[in-house]
Amino acid sequence: MKEQYITDTKGRKVSVVLPIKVYREMLEKLEELEDIRAYDASVSEKEEPIPAEQAFAEIEAKRN
């Protein structure tokens, strides 16, 4: 893939143009990385496990 850039009036790169497929793949990989980091953090804290329903409710509450 060849990157495309948007430049300002001085020729400095200020943005990148990506195909939507590449953008969506990047988002998926970032979400997976967030999940891995959250898992690693929870394992290192040695907290008591909670029911999945409670975990999902807490996650949704944080998103809103």
C-alpha atoms as a PDB file:
ATOM      1  CA  MET A   1       0.000   0.000   0.000  1.00  0.00           C
ATOM      2  CA  LYS A   2       1.281   3.434  -0.903  1.00  0.00           C
ATOM      3  CA  GLU A   3       0.482   6.104   1.658  1.00  0.00           C
ATOM      4  CA  GLN A   4      -1.169   9.313   0.574  1.00  0.00           C
ATOM      5  CA  TYR A   5      -0.776  12.475   2.588  1.00  0.00           C
ATOM      6  CA  ILE A   6      -2.628  15.736   2.937  1.00  0.00           C
ATOM      7  CA  THR A   7      -0.258  18.647   3.391  1.00  0.00           C
ATOM      8  CA  ASP A   8      -0.659  22.172   4.683  1.00  0.00           C
ATOM      9  CA  THR A   9       0.288  25.283   2.732  1.00  0.00           C
ATOM     10  CA  LYS A  10       3.928  24.844   3.759  1.00  0.00           C
ATOM     11  CA  GLY A  11       4.075  21.278   2.484  1.00  0.00           C
ATOM     12  CA  ARG A  12       4.058  19.649   5.942  1.00  0.00           C
ATOM     13  CA  LYS A  13       2.193  16.366   6.205  1.00  0.00           C
ATOM     14  CA  VAL A  14      -0.890  16.828   8.389  1.00  0.00           C
ATOM     15  CA  SER A  15      -3.071  13.806   7.543  1.00  0.00           C
ATOM     16  CA  VAL A  16      -2.948  10.379   5.954  1.00  0.00           C
ATOM     17  CA  VAL A  17      -5.478   8.964   3.510  1.00  0.00           C
ATOM     18  CA  LEU A  18      -6.138   5.246   3.965  1.00  0.00           C
ATOM     19  CA  PRO A  19      -8.378   2.819   2.123  1.00  0.00           C
ATOM     20  CA  ILE A  20     -11.408   2.036   4.312  1.00  0.00           C
ATOM     21  CA  LYS A  21     -10.437  -1.638   4.441  1.00  0.00           C
ATOM     22  CA  VAL A  22      -7.025  -0.786   5.909  1.00  0.00           C
ATOM     23  CA  TYR A  23      -8.629   1.639   8.368  1.00  0.00           C
ATOM     24  CA  ARG A  24     -11.101  -0.995   9.588  1.00  0.00           C
ATOM     25  CA  GLU A  25      -8.323  -3.574   9.953  1.00  0.00           C
ATOM     26  CA  MET A  26      -6.343  -1.099  12.053  1.00  0.00           C
ATOM     27  CA  LEU A  27      -9.352  -0.486  14.302  1.00  0.00           C
ATOM     28  CA  GLU A  28      -9.847  -4.224  14.792  1.00  0.00           C
ATOM     29  CA  LYS A  29      -6.201  -4.675  15.734  1.00  0.00           C
ATOM     30  CA  LEU A  30      -6.367  -1.752  18.177  1.00  0.00           C
ATOM     31  CA  GLU A  31      -9.456  -3.231  19.830  1.00  0.00           C
ATOM     32  CA  GLU A  32      -7.696  -6.572  20.157  1.00  0.00           C
ATOM     33  CA  LEU A  33      -4.669  -4.872  21.697  1.00  0.00           C
ATOM     34  CA  GLU A  34      -6.924  -3.083  24.197  1.00  0.00           C
ATOM     35  CA  ASP A  35      -8.436  -6.445  25.158  1.00  0.00           C
ATOM     36  CA  ILE A  36      -4.992  -7.970  25.635  1.00  0.00           C
ATOM     37  CA  ARG A  37      -3.854  -5.042  27.782  1.00  0.00           C
ATOM     38  CA  ALA A  38      -7.019  -5.223  29.895  1.00  0.00           C
ATOM     39  CA  TYR A  39      -6.501  -8.950  30.389  1.00  0.00           C
ATOM     40  CA  ASP A  40      -2.851  -8.478  31.335  1.00  0.00           C
ATOM     41  CA  ALA A  41      -3.801  -5.732  33.802  1.00  0.00           C
ATOM     42  CA  SER A  42      -6.484  -7.862  35.420  1.00  0.00           C
ATOM     43  CA  VAL A  43      -4.148 -10.841  35.780  1.00  0.00           C
ATOM     44  CA  SER A  44      -1.434  -8.715  37.338  1.00  0.00           C
ATOM     45  CA  GLU A  45      -3.864  -7.223  39.881  1.00  0.00           C
ATOM     46  CA  LYS A  46      -4.976 -10.669  41.041  1.00  0.00           C
ATOM     47  CA  GLU A  47      -8.547  -9.503  41.567  1.00  0.00           C
ATOM     48  CA  GLU A  48     -11.433 -11.839  42.231  1.00  0.00           C
ATOM     49  CA  PRO A  49     -13.220 -12.873  39.046  1.00  0.00           C
ATOM     50  CA  ILE A  50     -16.697 -11.464  38.440  1.00  0.00           C
ATOM     51  CA  PRO A  51     -19.578 -12.914  36.422  1.00  0.00           C
ATOM     52  CA  ALA A  52     -19.471 -12.148  32.691  1.00  0.00           C
ATOM     53  CA  GLU A  53     -22.823 -10.344  32.826  1.00  0.00           C
ATOM     54  CA  GLN A  54     -21.480  -7.958  35.448  1.00  0.00           C
ATOM     55  CA  ALA A  55     -18.292  -7.380  33.453  1.00  0.00           C
ATOM     56  CA  PHE A  56     -20.258  -6.583  30.290  1.00  0.00           C
ATOM     57  CA  ALA A  57     -22.518  -4.199  32.208  1.00  0.00           C
ATOM     58  CA  GLU A  58     -19.483  -2.369  33.622  1.00  0.00           C
ATOM     59  CA  ILE A  59     -17.881  -2.126  30.188  1.00  0.00           C
ATOM     60  CA  GLU A  60     -21.076  -0.721  28.663  1.00  0.00           C
ATOM     61  CA  ALA A  61     -21.398   1.794  31.485  1.00  0.00           C
ATOM     62  CA  LYS A  62     -17.857   3.050  30.812  1.00  0.00           C
ATOM     63  CA  ARG A  63     -18.578   3.445  27.089  1.00  0.00           C
ATOM     64  CA  ASN A  64     -21.559   5.715  27.751  1.00  0.00           C
END
